[in-house]
């Protein structure tokens, strides 16, 4: 992905922008307006659905600047450029997707032995190796549906093909980013949330 994130001579810089406090409709409209204003092959889209009204927009920097200013005008609580090297989860990562698929062609993919949730669908990966390969590639160029994933994990009744969530969540390693996002989705899950420090 680092190769796909590099801006070639004469190319356009790209990155990501965190936006808190707008609806999806508002933010999608701002992305559309930025793309139309700049024109050409401008990329600007919601790339991460983190928590209610907490999104990350990914794309060309000039479009992100327009979205940031417009979001502030609409009353967004916060806009902040992320310290990342590229516009992840957009079509700008297509070269990385192709490279990943090529590598995946050289390995044997087996059905997961435990439930693994896809960033693309917010549902468990299927057991079919070809479908797993496809989803692994798609996650580089499609949005991360983190809010839906957490909501699914917290459902205690089977919802999707027998998939039942859980009542306890753990965050492994330093930091409390996942716990902070869980708080915005479920107060009950947040109160019972466990952080486990890795040695």
Protein backbone atom coordinates (compact mmCIF):
# COMPACT_ATOMS: atom_id res chain seq x y z
CA UNK A 1 0.00 0.00 0.00
CA UNK A 2 2.90 2.36 0.58
CA UNK A 3 3.78 2.19 -3.12
CA UNK A 4 0.18 3.02 -4.07
CA UNK A 5 0.22 5.93 -1.61
CA UNK A 6 3.29 7.57 -3.13
CA UNK A 7 2.61 10.61 -5.27
CA UNK A 8 4.43 10.35 -8.56
CA UNK A 9 6.10 13.43 -10.07
CA UNK A 10 3.34 15.60 -11.48
CA UNK A 11 0.73 13.61 -9.53
CA UNK A 12 -1.75 14.87 -6.97
CA UNK A 13 -1.31 14.46 -3.23
CA UNK A 14 -3.93 12.40 -1.44
CA UNK A 15 -4.80 11.59 2.14
CA UNK A 16 -7.58 11.27 4.70
CA UNK A 17 -9.75 13.63 6.75
CA UNK A 18 -11.65 12.85 9.95
CA UNK A 19 -15.08 14.51 10.17
CA UNK A 20 -17.27 14.39 13.29
CA UNK A 21 -20.77 15.77 13.63
CA UNK A 22 -22.38 15.50 10.18
CA UNK A 23 -24.87 13.01 8.79
CA UNK A 24 -23.81 10.64 6.02
CA UNK A 25 -26.08 12.49 3.59
CA UNK A 26 -24.44 15.82 4.42
CA UNK A 27 -20.93 14.40 4.11
CA UNK A 28 -21.66 12.54 0.87
CA UNK A 29 -23.05 15.77 -0.59
CA UNK A 30 -19.86 17.63 0.40
CA UNK A 31 -17.74 14.93 -1.26
CA UNK A 32 -19.87 15.16 -4.43
CA UNK A 33 -19.54 18.94 -4.46
CA UNK A 34 -15.75 18.77 -4.02
CA UNK A 35 -15.42 16.26 -6.88
CA UNK A 36 -17.60 18.41 -9.14
CA UNK A 37 -15.77 21.62 -8.25
CA UNK A 38 -12.35 20.18 -9.06
CA UNK A 39 -13.49 17.84 -11.83
CA UNK A 40 -11.39 15.34 -13.72
CA UNK A 41 -10.55 12.11 -11.95
CA UNK A 42 -10.82 13.62 -8.47
CA UNK A 43 -11.34 11.03 -5.75
CA UNK A 44 -13.22 12.04 -2.60
CA UNK A 45 -15.44 9.64 -0.63
CA UNK A 46 -16.33 8.40 2.81
CA UNK A 47 -13.78 5.67 3.49
CA UNK A 48 -14.36 4.77 7.15
CA UNK A 49 -17.70 4.55 8.93
CA UNK A 50 -16.39 4.62 12.50
CA UNK A 51 -19.31 5.57 14.76
CA UNK A 52 -22.54 7.59 14.43
CA UNK A 53 -21.56 10.87 12.75
CA UNK A 54 -17.89 9.90 12.97
CA UNK A 55 -16.48 9.34 9.49
CA UNK A 56 -13.21 9.51 7.59
CA UNK A 57 -13.14 10.97 4.08
CA UNK A 58 -10.39 9.78 1.76
CA UNK A 59 -9.18 11.27 -1.51
CA UNK A 60 -7.17 13.97 -3.20
CA UNK A 61 -5.93 16.66 -0.81
CA UNK A 62 -7.46 19.56 -2.75
CA UNK A 63 -10.87 17.87 -2.43
CA UNK A 64 -10.30 17.15 1.26
CA UNK A 65 -9.56 20.85 1.83
CA UNK A 66 -12.91 21.76 0.26
CA UNK A 67 -14.75 19.16 2.34
CA UNK A 68 -13.05 20.37 5.52
CA UNK A 69 -14.02 24.01 4.97
CA UNK A 70 -17.57 23.12 3.92
CA UNK A 71 -18.01 20.74 6.87
CA UNK A 72 -16.99 23.50 9.27
CA UNK A 73 -19.53 25.82 7.62
CA UNK A 74 -22.24 23.15 8.13
CA UNK A 75 -21.41 22.93 11.84
CA UNK A 76 -19.20 19.84 12.04
CA UNK A 77 -17.86 19.37 15.54
CA UNK A 78 -14.39 18.53 14.25
CA UNK A 79 -12.42 18.11 11.05
CA UNK A 80 -8.83 16.94 11.14
CA UNK A 81 -6.42 15.69 8.53
CA UNK A 82 -4.99 12.30 9.44
CA UNK A 83 -1.26 11.64 9.47
CA UNK A 84 -1.38 8.93 6.79
CA UNK A 85 0.49 8.51 3.54
CA UNK A 86 -2.43 8.08 1.17
CA UNK A 87 -6.14 7.89 0.36
CA UNK A 88 -6.74 4.42 1.72
CA UNK A 89 -9.97 2.54 0.97
CA UNK A 90 -10.47 4.33 -2.36
CA UNK A 91 -9.76 3.56 -6.01
CA UNK A 92 -6.39 5.28 -5.56
CA UNK A 93 -5.31 2.04 -3.84
CA UNK A 94 -6.14 -0.07 -6.92
CA UNK A 95 -2.42 -0.78 -7.60
CA UNK A 96 -2.08 -2.13 -4.05
CA UNK A 97 -5.19 -4.26 -4.55
CA UNK A 98 -3.75 -5.80 -7.71
CA UNK A 99 -0.44 -6.50 -5.96
CA UNK A 100 -2.24 -8.12 -3.03
CA UNK A 101 -4.39 -10.30 -5.30
CA UNK A 102 -1.25 -11.45 -7.11
CA UNK A 103 0.33 -12.50 -3.81
CA UNK A 104 -2.90 -14.18 -2.69
CA UNK A 105 -2.83 -16.24 -5.90
CA UNK A 106 0.41 -17.77 -4.66
CA UNK A 107 -0.92 -18.94 -1.29
CA UNK A 108 -3.53 -21.44 -0.21
CA UNK A 109 -6.52 -19.77 1.41
CA UNK A 110 -8.60 -21.92 3.73
CA UNK A 111 -11.92 -21.33 5.44
CA UNK A 112 -11.45 -19.57 8.80
CA UNK A 113 -11.59 -21.83 11.86
CA UNK A 114 -12.99 -18.95 13.90
CA UNK A 115 -15.38 -16.20 12.87
CA UNK A 116 -13.50 -13.35 11.15
CA UNK A 117 -15.44 -10.21 10.24
CA UNK A 118 -14.88 -8.53 6.87
CA UNK A 119 -14.26 -4.77 6.78
CA UNK A 120 -16.15 -4.64 3.47
CA UNK A 121 -19.40 -6.35 4.44
CA UNK A 122 -19.39 -6.08 8.27
CA UNK A 123 -20.33 -9.78 8.29
CA UNK A 124 -18.29 -12.95 8.76
CA UNK A 125 -16.05 -14.00 5.89
CA UNK A 126 -17.56 -16.82 3.83
CA UNK A 127 -15.94 -20.25 3.80
CA UNK A 128 -15.23 -20.16 0.03
CA UNK A 129 -11.52 -19.39 -0.58
CA UNK A 130 -12.26 -17.47 -3.81
CA UNK A 131 -14.75 -15.23 -1.98
CA UNK A 132 -12.26 -14.66 0.84
CA UNK A 133 -9.59 -13.65 -1.69
CA UNK A 134 -12.01 -11.24 -3.34
CA UNK A 135 -12.98 -9.60 -0.05
CA UNK A 136 -9.34 -9.23 1.01
CA UNK A 137 -8.67 -7.32 -2.20
CA UNK A 138 -11.82 -5.24 -1.95
CA UNK A 139 -10.95 -4.02 1.55
CA UNK A 140 -8.13 -1.93 0.06
CA UNK A 141 -10.43 0.03 -2.26
CA UNK A 142 -13.80 0.03 -0.45
CA UNK A 143 -14.98 1.68 2.78
CA UNK A 144 -14.41 0.17 6.22
CA UNK A 145 -17.77 -0.49 7.89
CA UNK A 146 -16.51 -0.38 11.46
CA UNK A 147 -19.72 0.99 13.02
CA UNK A 148 -21.75 -1.86 11.46
CA UNK A 149 -19.10 -4.36 12.55
CA UNK A 150 -19.26 -3.23 16.18
CA UNK A 151 -23.06 -3.18 16.12
CA UNK A 152 -23.04 -6.74 14.75
CA UNK A 153 -20.58 -7.87 17.39
CA UNK A 154 -22.84 -6.51 20.11
CA UNK A 155 -26.01 -8.26 18.90
CA UNK A 156 -26.77 -11.23 21.08
CA UNK A 157 -29.44 -12.71 18.80
CA UNK A 158 -28.49 -14.45 15.54
CA UNK A 159 -28.94 -11.94 12.72
CA UNK A 160 -26.95 -12.99 9.67
CA UNK A 161 -26.79 -16.68 8.74
CA UNK A 162 -26.65 -17.70 12.39
CA UNK A 163 -24.06 -15.08 13.32
CA UNK A 164 -24.51 -14.15 16.93
CA UNK A 165 -22.53 -11.39 18.59
CA UNK A 166 -21.05 -11.29 22.05
CA UNK A 167 -21.55 -9.53 25.35
CA UNK A 168 -17.90 -8.72 26.12
CA UNK A 169 -15.36 -6.85 24.00
CA UNK A 170 -11.59 -6.65 24.51
CA UNK A 171 -8.99 -4.29 23.07
CA UNK A 172 -5.51 -5.78 22.98
CA UNK A 173 -2.42 -3.58 23.16
CA UNK A 174 -1.78 0.05 23.99
CA UNK A 175 -4.37 2.77 23.61
CA UNK A 176 -8.11 2.98 23.96
CA UNK A 177 -9.28 3.93 20.44
CA UNK A 178 -11.69 1.03 20.02
CA UNK A 179 -13.14 1.57 23.48
CA UNK A 180 -13.75 5.25 22.63
CA UNK A 181 -15.64 4.25 19.47
CA UNK A 182 -17.67 1.61 21.35
CA UNK A 183 -18.80 4.32 23.79
CA UNK A 184 -20.49 6.16 20.91
CA UNK A 185 -22.31 2.99 19.82
CA UNK A 186 -23.28 1.27 23.09
CA UNK A 187 -22.93 2.66 26.62
CA UNK A 188 -23.57 -0.80 28.09
CA UNK A 189 -20.78 -2.41 26.05
CA UNK A 190 -18.47 0.50 26.86
CA UNK A 191 -19.01 0.07 30.63
CA UNK A 192 -18.05 -3.64 30.40
CA UNK A 193 -15.22 -3.10 27.89
CA UNK A 194 -11.81 -4.56 28.83
CA UNK A 195 -8.42 -3.23 27.72
CA UNK A 196 -5.62 -5.79 27.83
CA UNK A 197 -2.08 -4.44 27.78
CA UNK A 198 0.34 -6.45 25.69
CA UNK A 199 3.74 -7.10 27.22
